[in-house]
Amino acid sequence: MKTKIKKKSNAAGHTGSSFDSFLEEEGIREEVEAVAVKRVISWQLAEAMRKKKKTKQALARELNTSRSQLDRLLDPENAAVSLDTINRAAHALGKRLIIHIADAKAS
């Protein structure tokens, strides 16, 4: 006698769908991607600061901005930071900002 094995589906009923599909269905894909990108940028800037042994106060002074403004730049949750600010911080740390736009359907 053969028994059938049922596939369990998660509470939201997303059996077999990709994470991107789930985010699309929930209407939050763009927001999640923006936060993910900002987290990576924040981490990269913090790592560059650590390697250069540069404090927040010193970098803020070099960028001619306040430490609280620099804190917003380094906050991984704050995606509302201008490209100019990110670019200036990268240059101050001996880095450069490179932006790449890819096809939305790329795997």
Protein backbone atom coordinates (compact mmCIF):
# COMPACT_ATOMS: atom_id res chain seq x y z
CA MET A 1 0.00 0.00 0.00
CA LYS A 2 1.41 3.34 -1.04
CA THR A 3 0.91 6.39 1.08
CA LYS A 4 0.81 9.84 -0.33
CA ILE A 5 3.09 12.42 1.21
CA LYS A 6 1.55 15.84 1.35
CA LYS A 7 3.77 18.84 0.91
CA LYS A 8 3.40 21.27 3.74
CA SER A 9 2.75 24.81 2.72
CA ASN A 10 3.66 27.75 4.89
CA ALA A 11 1.04 29.88 6.59
CA ALA A 12 0.95 32.38 3.74
CA GLY A 13 0.50 29.66 1.10
CA HIS A 14 3.70 30.37 -0.80
CA THR A 15 4.67 26.79 -1.59
CA GLY A 16 7.35 26.72 -4.27
CA SER A 17 7.46 30.45 -4.88
CA SER A 18 10.70 32.37 -4.75
CA PHE A 19 11.49 34.91 -2.08
CA ASP A 20 11.33 37.65 -4.74
CA SER A 21 7.85 36.48 -5.72
CA PHE A 22 6.78 36.57 -2.09
CA LEU A 23 8.08 40.14 -1.70
CA GLU A 24 6.27 41.13 -4.91
CA GLU A 25 3.01 39.59 -3.66
CA GLU A 26 3.33 41.48 -0.39
CA GLY A 27 4.11 44.73 -2.26
CA ILE A 28 7.36 45.30 -0.37
CA ARG A 29 10.08 44.18 -2.78
CA GLU A 30 11.41 47.66 -3.60
CA GLU A 31 11.51 48.68 0.06
CA VAL A 32 13.28 45.47 1.10
CA GLU A 33 15.82 45.83 -1.70
CA ALA A 34 16.52 49.47 -0.77
CA VAL A 35 17.14 48.53 2.86
CA ALA A 36 19.37 45.62 1.77
CA VAL A 37 21.45 47.89 -0.45
CA LYS A 38 21.73 50.48 2.33
CA ARG A 39 22.86 47.81 4.79
CA VAL A 40 25.65 46.76 2.45
CA ILE A 41 26.75 50.36 1.86
CA SER A 42 26.67 51.13 5.58
CA TRP A 43 28.70 48.04 6.35
CA GLN A 44 31.25 48.85 3.62
CA LEU A 45 31.69 52.41 4.88
CA ALA A 46 32.04 51.22 8.49
CA GLU A 47 34.64 48.64 7.43
CA ALA A 48 36.59 51.28 5.50
CA MET A 49 36.49 53.53 8.58
CA ARG A 50 37.75 50.68 10.74
CA LYS A 51 40.60 49.85 8.35
CA LYS A 52 41.62 53.51 8.08
CA LYS A 53 41.22 53.91 11.86
CA LYS A 54 38.98 56.90 11.24
CA THR A 55 36.49 57.91 13.92
CA LYS A 56 32.98 59.16 13.19
CA GLN A 57 33.99 62.56 14.52
CA ALA A 58 37.02 62.76 12.21
CA LEU A 59 35.05 61.65 9.15
CA ALA A 60 32.22 64.07 9.92
CA ARG A 61 34.74 66.90 10.20
CA GLU A 62 36.33 65.89 6.87
CA LEU A 63 32.91 65.79 5.20
CA ASN A 64 32.01 69.16 6.76
CA THR A 65 28.91 67.68 8.36
CA SER A 66 27.63 66.81 11.81
CA ARG A 67 28.18 63.54 13.58
CA SER A 68 24.41 63.00 13.69
CA GLN A 69 24.29 63.33 9.89
CA LEU A 70 27.10 60.77 9.65
CA ASP A 71 25.15 58.49 11.99
CA ARG A 72 22.23 58.62 9.54
CA LEU A 73 24.60 57.70 6.71
CA LEU A 74 25.91 54.71 8.69
CA ASP A 75 22.44 53.63 9.88
CA PRO A 76 21.62 50.47 7.89
CA GLU A 77 17.88 51.08 8.27
CA ASN A 78 17.94 54.63 6.85
CA ALA A 79 17.65 54.30 3.08
CA ALA A 80 16.97 58.03 2.60
CA VAL A 81 20.58 59.08 2.07
CA SER A 82 21.65 60.93 -1.06
CA LEU A 83 24.11 59.49 -3.53
CA ASP A 84 26.18 62.65 -3.14
CA THR A 85 26.58 62.00 0.60
CA ILE A 86 27.54 58.36 0.02
CA ASN A 87 29.96 59.39 -2.73
CA ARG A 88 31.65 62.05 -0.57
CA ALA A 89 32.05 59.59 2.31
CA ALA A 90 33.50 56.96 -0.02
CA HIS A 91 36.04 59.43 -1.40
CA ALA A 92 37.01 60.57 2.10
CA LEU A 93 37.79 56.92 2.89
CA GLY A 94 39.83 56.37 -0.27
CA LYS A 95 37.01 54.50 -2.03
CA ARG A 96 34.75 55.23 -4.94
CA LEU A 97 31.08 54.63 -5.44
CA ILE A 98 30.09 52.38 -8.33
CA ILE A 99 26.42 51.90 -9.18
CA HIS A 100 25.19 49.12 -11.41
CA ILE A 101 21.68 48.81 -12.81
CA ALA A 102 20.60 45.31 -13.81
CA ASP A 103 17.59 43.85 -15.59
CA ALA A 104 14.70 43.26 -13.22
CA LYS A 105 14.18 39.72 -14.53
CA ALA A 106 17.85 38.70 -14.09
CA SER A 107 18.22 35.48 -12.13
